[in-house]
Amino acid sequence: MFYRIFSDISVIILHKMDFKAALIPFSEVPLTKQVLLELLKEYKRPFDKINELGKQGILVMIKNGLYVPGPASLVRGPEPFLLANHIWGPSYVSLESAMSYWGMIQEHIYEVSSVTTKLSKIYNTSFGRYSYIHLPSPYYSLGIQQIKLTERQHILMASPEKALCDKVVLTSGILLRSKKQVSDFLLENLRISEDRLKSLNIEEMKNWLAVSPKKSSLEMLINTISQL
């Protein structure tokens, strides 16, 4: 697919058209350094051109080697969740970010939270803060769904059940030993409604217990939700 795009773009560049036109086929997708170097292969100093395009607001660098179309390009950039998948991976969107997407919590989310098999990281970008927390395999790979945001944007995100389990597993100091602790955590702390909790797939959550961190806390979580 990219080779076909590059062929078309080369024609545009050779005719000295505006670089903005070259970005149009890349609407809604992140741009890697390799892609930009291909687009700018007619330039003797492509990195100087990349810096110039950044100053003009046509490109925005998210991190070293990863860019998106800037506001001056008039090209639509990728959604924050898609960027999250690309900034540090393998990873999937989870925790409060996924729980907000699924309508489990109502609070405004100020950063995109993800889970990764790699080292934990935090990226502060011009598009917001992106945090990544390590989880081990095989637990990591369970409960991940592919979500279609737009025709061109598909992301990896935790299911509602996995996002909640991840929240329990990754919240420091949370050890659920009684139904009251679980109820306080879910209804008072996270403010998830009983109806939303009742809609969760308890059987799927049970299947994860054998390889889950904080197994006893997740068992108490599942038992409490099942009795609502």
C-alpha atoms as a PDB file:
ATOM      1  CA  MET A   1       0.000   0.000   0.000  1.00  0.00           C
ATOM      2  CA  PHE A   2       2.744   2.487   0.990  1.00  0.00           C
ATOM      3  CA  TYR A   3       4.730   1.754  -2.193  1.00  0.00           C
ATOM      4  CA  ARG A   4       1.731   2.735  -4.290  1.00  0.00           C
ATOM      5  CA  ILE A   5       1.316   5.918  -2.239  1.00  0.00           C
ATOM      6  CA  PHE A   6       5.021   6.726  -2.552  1.00  0.00           C
ATOM      7  CA  SER A   7       4.820   6.391  -6.339  1.00  0.00           C
ATOM      8  CA  ASP A   8       1.953   8.863  -6.489  1.00  0.00           C
ATOM      9  CA  ILE A   9       3.667  11.239  -4.075  1.00  0.00           C
ATOM     10  CA  SER A  10       6.895  11.210  -6.084  1.00  0.00           C
ATOM     11  CA  VAL A  11       4.984  12.620  -9.043  1.00  0.00           C
ATOM     12  CA  ILE A  12       3.618  15.411  -6.855  1.00  0.00           C
ATOM     13  CA  ILE A  13       7.054  16.303  -5.509  1.00  0.00           C
ATOM     14  CA  LEU A  14       8.714  16.200  -8.929  1.00  0.00           C
ATOM     15  CA  HIS A  15       6.175  18.756 -10.145  1.00  0.00           C
ATOM     16  CA  LYS A  16       7.151  20.979  -7.185  1.00  0.00           C
ATOM     17  CA  MET A  17       3.656  21.109  -5.745  1.00  0.00           C
ATOM     18  CA  ASP A  18       3.099  22.180  -2.150  1.00  0.00           C
ATOM     19  CA  PHE A  19       4.253  19.627   0.422  1.00  0.00           C
ATOM     20  CA  LYS A  20       0.808  19.913   1.980  1.00  0.00           C
ATOM     21  CA  ALA A  21      -0.584  18.061  -1.035  1.00  0.00           C
ATOM     22  CA  ALA A  22       1.871  15.256  -0.408  1.00  0.00           C
ATOM     23  CA  LEU A  23       0.403  14.797   3.080  1.00  0.00           C
ATOM     24  CA  ILE A  24      -3.188  14.316   1.905  1.00  0.00           C
ATOM     25  CA  PRO A  25      -2.907  10.521   1.377  1.00  0.00           C
ATOM     26  CA  PHE A  26      -1.561  10.292   4.941  1.00  0.00           C
ATOM     27  CA  SER A  27      -4.591  11.887   6.571  1.00  0.00           C
ATOM     28  CA  GLU A  28      -5.405  10.277   9.956  1.00  0.00           C
ATOM     29  CA  VAL A  29      -2.181   8.255  10.181  1.00  0.00           C
ATOM     30  CA  PRO A  30       1.100   8.905  12.020  1.00  0.00           C
ATOM     31  CA  LEU A  31       4.132   9.606   9.857  1.00  0.00           C
ATOM     32  CA  THR A  32       7.377   7.784  10.573  1.00  0.00           C
ATOM     33  CA  LYS A  33      10.812   9.156   9.762  1.00  0.00           C
ATOM     34  CA  GLN A  34      11.099   6.577   6.968  1.00  0.00           C
ATOM     35  CA  VAL A  35       7.887   7.816   5.347  1.00  0.00           C
ATOM     36  CA  LEU A  36       9.013  11.443   5.494  1.00  0.00           C
ATOM     37  CA  LEU A  37      12.427  10.621   4.038  1.00  0.00           C
ATOM     38  CA  GLU A  38      10.703   8.920   1.116  1.00  0.00           C
ATOM     39  CA  LEU A  39       8.439  11.925   0.588  1.00  0.00           C
ATOM     40  CA  LEU A  40      11.445  14.243   0.695  1.00  0.00           C
ATOM     41  CA  LYS A  41      13.889  12.109  -1.257  1.00  0.00           C
ATOM     42  CA  GLU A  42      14.360  14.857  -3.866  1.00  0.00           C
ATOM     43  CA  TYR A  43      15.909  17.091  -1.198  1.00  0.00           C
ATOM     44  CA  LYS A  44      19.650  16.954  -0.535  1.00  0.00           C
ATOM     45  CA  ARG A  45      19.064  17.736   3.143  1.00  0.00           C
ATOM     46  CA  PRO A  46      15.728  16.127   4.052  1.00  0.00           C
ATOM     47  CA  PHE A  47      16.214  16.541   7.808  1.00  0.00           C
ATOM     48  CA  ASP A  48      16.647  20.293   7.357  1.00  0.00           C
ATOM     49  CA  LYS A  49      13.390  20.302   5.393  1.00  0.00           C
ATOM     50  CA  ILE A  50      11.646  18.349   8.165  1.00  0.00           C
ATOM     51  CA  ASN A  51      12.790  20.958  10.692  1.00  0.00           C
ATOM     52  CA  GLU A  52      11.563  23.736   8.405  1.00  0.00           C
ATOM     53  CA  LEU A  53       8.161  22.075   8.009  1.00  0.00           C
ATOM     54  CA  GLY A  54       7.954  21.795  11.787  1.00  0.00           C
ATOM     55  CA  LYS A  55       8.616  25.520  12.211  1.00  0.00           C
ATOM     56  CA  GLN A  56       5.908  26.235   9.631  1.00  0.00           C
ATOM     57  CA  GLY A  57       3.377  24.141  11.555  1.00  0.00           C
ATOM     58  CA  ILE A  58       2.980  21.716   8.662  1.00  0.00           C
ATOM     59  CA  LEU A  59       4.493  18.866  10.667  1.00  0.00           C
ATOM     60  CA  VAL A  60       4.432  18.199  14.414  1.00  0.00           C
ATOM     61  CA  MET A  61       6.968  15.884  16.017  1.00  0.00           C
ATOM     62  CA  ILE A  62       5.364  13.609  18.606  1.00  0.00           C
ATOM     63  CA  LYS A  63       8.645  11.941  19.534  1.00  0.00           C
ATOM     64  CA  ASN A  64      11.906  11.271  17.731  1.00  0.00           C
ATOM     65  CA  GLY A  65      10.993   9.524  14.477  1.00  0.00           C
ATOM     66  CA  LEU A  66       7.212   9.981  14.754  1.00  0.00           C
ATOM     67  CA  TYR A  67       5.257  12.912  13.298  1.00  0.00           C
ATOM     68  CA  VAL A  68       1.702  13.968  12.484  1.00  0.00           C
ATOM     69  CA  PRO A  69       0.335  16.606  10.087  1.00  0.00           C
ATOM     70  CA  GLY A  70       0.372  20.000  11.816  1.00  0.00           C
ATOM     71  CA  PRO A  71      -2.425  22.607  11.908  1.00  0.00           C
ATOM     72  CA  ALA A  72      -0.943  24.546   8.988  1.00  0.00           C
ATOM     73  CA  SER A  73      -1.158  21.475   6.755  1.00  0.00           C
ATOM     74  CA  LEU A  74      -4.988  21.455   6.902  1.00  0.00           C
ATOM     75  CA  VAL A  75      -4.717  17.646   6.889  1.00  0.00           C
ATOM     76  CA  ARG A  76      -6.584  15.719   9.562  1.00  0.00           C
ATOM     77  CA  GLY A  77      -4.258  14.051  12.036  1.00  0.00           C
ATOM     78  CA  PRO A  78      -4.759  10.758  13.889  1.00  0.00           C
ATOM     79  CA  GLU A  79      -6.936  10.405  16.976  1.00  0.00           C
ATOM     80  CA  PRO A  80      -5.173  10.421  20.389  1.00  0.00           C
ATOM     81  CA  PHE A  81      -5.896   6.718  20.951  1.00  0.00           C
ATOM     82  CA  LEU A  82      -4.272   5.785  17.642  1.00  0.00           C
ATOM     83  CA  LEU A  83      -1.237   7.863  18.546  1.00  0.00           C
ATOM     84  CA  ALA A  84      -1.070   6.006  21.853  1.00  0.00           C
ATOM     85  CA  ASN A  85      -0.712   2.692  20.016  1.00  0.00           C
ATOM     86  CA  HIS A  86       2.167   4.094  17.960  1.00  0.00           C
ATOM     87  CA  ILE A  87       4.137   6.136  20.482  1.00  0.00           C
ATOM     88  CA  TRP A  88       5.226   3.142  22.578  1.00  0.00           C
ATOM     89  CA  GLY A  89       4.426  -0.438  21.713  1.00  0.00           C
ATOM     90  CA  PRO A  90       3.341  -3.082  21.760  1.00  0.00           C
ATOM     91  CA  SER A  91       0.588  -1.480  23.805  1.00  0.00           C
ATOM     92  CA  TYR A  92      -3.163  -1.111  24.114  1.00  0.00           C
ATOM     93  CA  VAL A  93      -5.308   1.683  25.581  1.00  0.00           C
ATOM     94  CA  SER A  94      -6.622   0.740  29.012  1.00  0.00           C
ATOM     95  CA  LEU A  95      -7.363   1.921  32.565  1.00  0.00           C
ATOM     96  CA  GLU A  96      -9.325   5.201  32.866  1.00  0.00           C
ATOM     97  CA  SER A  97      -8.967   5.966  29.157  1.00  0.00           C
ATOM     98  CA  ALA A  98     -10.676   2.734  28.107  1.00  0.00           C
ATOM     99  CA  MET A  99     -13.167   2.909  30.968  1.00  0.00           C
ATOM    100  CA  SER A 100     -14.187   6.402  29.858  1.00  0.00           C
ATOM    101  CA  TYR A 101     -14.525   5.234  26.226  1.00  0.00           C
ATOM    102  CA  TRP A 102     -16.815   2.380  27.338  1.00  0.00           C
ATOM    103  CA  GLY A 103     -18.972   4.725  29.439  1.00  0.00           C
ATOM    104  CA  MET A 104     -17.961   3.173  32.755  1.00  0.00           C
ATOM    105  CA  ILE A 105     -16.700   6.411  34.317  1.00  0.00           C
ATOM    106  CA  GLN A 106     -17.772   9.993  33.674  1.00  0.00           C
ATOM    107  CA  GLU A 107     -14.678  11.945  34.738  1.00  0.00           C
ATOM    108  CA  HIS A 108     -12.767  13.929  32.120  1.00  0.00           C
ATOM    109  CA  ILE A 109      -9.537  12.137  31.225  1.00  0.00           C
ATOM    110  CA  TYR A 110      -6.435  14.325  31.061  1.00  0.00           C
ATOM    111  CA  GLU A 111      -4.014  11.719  29.708  1.00  0.00           C
ATOM    112  CA  VAL A 112      -4.173   8.596  27.573  1.00  0.00           C
ATOM    113  CA  SER A 113      -3.302   5.543  29.669  1.00  0.00           C
ATOM    114  CA  SER A 114      -2.008   2.358  28.074  1.00  0.00           C
ATOM    115  CA  VAL A 115      -0.529  -0.981  29.059  1.00  0.00           C
ATOM    116  CA  THR A 116       2.611  -2.424  27.502  1.00  0.00           C
ATOM    117  CA  THR A 117       4.852  -5.458  27.738  1.00  0.00           C
ATOM    118  CA  LYS A 118       7.848  -3.113  27.570  1.00  0.00           C
ATOM    119  CA  LEU A 119       9.195  -0.760  30.217  1.00  0.00           C
ATOM    120  CA  SER A 120       6.804   1.777  31.734  1.00  0.00           C
ATOM    121  CA  LYS A 121       7.080   5.186  30.067  1.00  0.00           C
ATOM    122  CA  ILE A 122       5.541   8.670  30.092  1.00  0.00           C
ATOM    123  CA  TYR A 123       5.503  10.948  27.047  1.00  0.00           C
ATOM    124  CA  ASN A 124       4.515  14.598  27.304  1.00  0.00           C
ATOM    125  CA  THR A 125       3.635  15.762  23.800  1.00  0.00           C
ATOM    126  CA  SER A 126       2.020  18.787  22.212  1.00  0.00           C
ATOM    127  CA  PHE A 127      -1.102  16.613  21.899  1.00  0.00           C
ATOM    128  CA  GLY A 128      -1.175  15.668  25.571  1.00  0.00           C
ATOM    129  CA  ARG A 129       0.310  13.216  28.043  1.00  0.00           C
ATOM    130  CA  TYR A 130       0.632   9.522  27.235  1.00  0.00           C
ATOM    131  CA  SER A 131       1.438   7.027  30.002  1.00  0.00           C
ATOM    132  CA  TYR A 132       2.390   3.357  29.640  1.00  0.00           C
ATOM    133  CA  ILE A 133       2.530   0.825  32.464  1.00  0.00           C
ATOM    134  CA  HIS A 134       4.171  -2.566  32.181  1.00  0.00           C
ATOM    135  CA  LEU A 135       2.183  -5.783  32.532  1.00  0.00           C
ATOM    136  CA  PRO A 136       3.604  -9.264  31.950  1.00  0.00           C
ATOM    137  CA  SER A 137       2.486 -11.845  29.444  1.00  0.00           C
ATOM    138  CA  PRO A 138       0.342 -13.910  29.142  1.00  0.00           C
ATOM    139  CA  TYR A 139      -2.034 -11.716  31.195  1.00  0.00           C
ATOM    140  CA  TYR A 140      -1.174  -8.736  28.980  1.00  0.00           C
ATOM    141  CA  SER A 141      -2.608 -10.357  25.833  1.00  0.00           C
ATOM    142  CA  LEU A 142      -6.040 -11.146  27.315  1.00  0.00           C
ATOM    143  CA  GLY A 143      -9.151  -9.042  26.729  1.00  0.00           C
ATOM    144  CA  ILE A 144      -7.770  -6.827  23.959  1.00  0.00           C
ATOM    145  CA  GLN A 145     -10.196  -5.638  21.277  1.00  0.00           C
ATOM    146  CA  GLN A 146      -9.661  -3.941  17.935  1.00  0.00           C
ATOM    147  CA  ILE A 147     -11.793  -0.788  17.791  1.00  0.00           C
ATOM    148  CA  LYS A 148     -12.671   1.080  14.610  1.00  0.00           C
ATOM    149  CA  LEU A 149     -12.499   4.831  15.254  1.00  0.00           C
ATOM    150  CA  THR A 150     -12.781   5.871  11.594  1.00  0.00           C
ATOM    151  CA  GLU A 151     -12.437   4.084   8.260  1.00  0.00           C
ATOM    152  CA  ARG A 152      -8.648   4.505   8.432  1.00  0.00           C
ATOM    153  CA  GLN A 153      -8.099   4.341  12.179  1.00  0.00           C
ATOM    154  CA  HIS A 154      -8.206   1.059  14.058  1.00  0.00           C
ATOM    155  CA  ILE A 155      -6.795   0.779  17.552  1.00  0.00           C
ATOM    156  CA  LEU A 156      -6.084  -1.803  20.228  1.00  0.00           C
ATOM    157  CA  MET A 157      -8.016  -1.220  23.444  1.00  0.00           C
ATOM    158  CA  ALA A 158      -8.880  -3.166  26.572  1.00  0.00           C
ATOM    159  CA  SER A 159     -12.413  -4.517  26.765  1.00  0.00           C
ATOM    160  CA  PRO A 160     -14.504  -3.035  29.608  1.00  0.00           C
ATOM    161  CA  GLU A 161     -13.733  -6.106  31.696  1.00  0.00           C
ATOM    162  CA  LYS A 162      -9.984  -5.974  31.050  1.00  0.00           C
ATOM    163  CA  ALA A 163      -9.794  -2.229  31.691  1.00  0.00           C
ATOM    164  CA  LEU A 164     -11.374  -2.733  35.106  1.00  0.00           C
ATOM    165  CA  CYS A 165      -9.099  -5.673  35.929  1.00  0.00           C
ATOM    166  CA  ASP A 166      -6.082  -3.632  34.821  1.00  0.00           C
ATOM    167  CA  LYS A 167      -7.213  -0.815  37.123  1.00  0.00           C
ATOM    168  CA  VAL A 168      -7.269  -3.176  40.103  1.00  0.00           C
ATOM    169  CA  VAL A 169      -3.978  -4.832  39.175  1.00  0.00           C
ATOM    170  CA  LEU A 170      -2.093  -1.592  38.524  1.00  0.00           C
ATOM    171  CA  THR A 171      -3.429   0.645  41.296  1.00  0.00           C
ATOM    172  CA  SER A 172      -0.831   0.727  44.030  1.00  0.00           C
ATOM    173  CA  GLY A 173      -2.170  -0.162  47.472  1.00  0.00           C
ATOM    174  CA  ILE A 174      -5.398  -1.733  46.217  1.00  0.00           C
ATOM    175  CA  LEU A 175      -5.897  -5.140  47.830  1.00  0.00           C
ATOM    176  CA  LEU A 176      -9.527  -6.224  47.762  1.00  0.00           C
ATOM    177  CA  ARG A 177     -10.237  -8.552  50.678  1.00  0.00           C
ATOM    178  CA  SER A 178     -13.953  -7.991  51.298  1.00  0.00           C
ATOM    179  CA  LYS A 179     -17.132  -7.193  49.412  1.00  0.00           C
ATOM    180  CA  LYS A 180     -17.322  -3.843  51.184  1.00  0.00           C
ATOM    181  CA  GLN A 181     -13.853  -2.930  49.924  1.00  0.00           C
ATOM    182  CA  VAL A 182     -14.892  -3.834  46.385  1.00  0.00           C
ATOM    183  CA  SER A 183     -18.163  -1.889  46.624  1.00  0.00           C
ATOM    184  CA  ASP A 184     -16.391   1.173  47.993  1.00  0.00           C
ATOM    185  CA  PHE A 185     -13.772   0.960  45.248  1.00  0.00           C
ATOM    186  CA  LEU A 186     -16.266   0.520  42.407  1.00  0.00           C
ATOM    187  CA  LEU A 187     -19.221   2.623  43.530  1.00  0.00           C
ATOM    188  CA  GLU A 188     -17.578   5.347  45.614  1.00  0.00           C
ATOM    189  CA  ASN A 189     -14.053   5.671  44.214  1.00  0.00           C
ATOM    190  CA  LEU A 190     -14.595   4.942  40.515  1.00  0.00           C
ATOM    191  CA  ARG A 191     -18.325   5.795  40.612  1.00  0.00           C
ATOM    192  CA  ILE A 192     -19.315   3.023  38.215  1.00  0.00           C
ATOM    193  CA  SER A 193     -23.056   2.357  38.243  1.00  0.00           C
ATOM    194  CA  GLU A 194     -24.425  -1.002  39.352  1.00  0.00           C
ATOM    195  CA  ASP A 195     -26.192  -1.418  36.013  1.00  0.00           C
ATOM    196  CA  ARG A 196     -22.909  -0.988  34.148  1.00  0.00           C
ATOM    197  CA  LEU A 197     -21.179  -3.469  36.437  1.00  0.00           C
ATOM    198  CA  LYS A 198     -23.962  -6.003  35.927  1.00  0.00           C
ATOM    199  CA  SER A 199     -23.384  -5.813  32.164  1.00  0.00           C
ATOM    200  CA  LEU A 200     -19.794  -7.052  32.443  1.00  0.00           C
ATOM    201  CA  ASN A 201     -18.887 -10.539  31.223  1.00  0.00           C
ATOM    202  CA  ILE A 202     -18.019 -12.250  34.492  1.00  0.00           C
ATOM    203  CA  GLU A 203     -17.282 -15.606  32.877  1.00  0.00           C
ATOM    204  CA  GLU A 204     -14.631 -14.050  30.666  1.00  0.00           C
ATOM    205  CA  MET A 205     -13.020 -12.428  33.693  1.00  0.00           C
ATOM    206  CA  LYS A 206     -12.936 -15.774  35.486  1.00  0.00           C
ATOM    207  CA  ASN A 207     -10.993 -17.274  32.586  1.00  0.00           C
ATOM    208  CA  TRP A 208      -8.166 -14.810  33.187  1.00  0.00           C
ATOM    209  CA  LEU A 209      -7.631 -15.617  36.865  1.00  0.00           C
ATOM    210  CA  ALA A 210      -5.098 -18.416  36.376  1.00  0.00           C
ATOM    211  CA  VAL A 211      -2.513 -16.007  34.924  1.00  0.00           C
ATOM    212  CA  SER A 212      -3.611 -12.760  36.588  1.00  0.00           C
ATOM    213  CA  PRO A 213      -1.537 -10.634  38.959  1.00  0.00           C
ATOM    214  CA  LYS A 214      -3.418  -9.865  42.220  1.00  0.00           C
ATOM    215  CA  LYS A 215      -5.461 -13.021  41.700  1.00  0.00           C
ATOM    216  CA  SER A 216      -7.193 -12.904  45.098  1.00  0.00           C
ATOM    217  CA  SER A 217      -8.251  -9.273  44.589  1.00  0.00           C
ATOM    218  CA  LEU A 218      -9.698 -10.083  41.173  1.00  0.00           C
ATOM    219  CA  GLU A 219     -11.519 -13.104  42.611  1.00  0.00           C
ATOM    220  CA  MET A 220     -13.144 -10.843  45.225  1.00  0.00           C
ATOM    221  CA  LEU A 221     -13.967  -8.309  42.488  1.00  0.00           C
ATOM    222  CA  ILE A 222     -15.658 -10.959  40.359  1.00  0.00           C
ATOM    223  CA  ASN A 223     -17.569 -12.490  43.280  1.00  0.00           C
ATOM    224  CA  THR A 224     -18.874  -9.102  44.392  1.00  0.00           C
ATOM    225  CA  ILE A 225     -19.995  -8.042  40.920  1.00  0.00           C
ATOM    226  CA  SER A 226     -21.714 -11.394  40.339  1.00  0.00           C
ATOM    227  CA  GLN A 227     -23.868 -10.822  43.436  1.00  0.00           C
ATOM    228  CA  LEU A 228     -25.067  -7.337  42.544  1.00  0.00           C
END
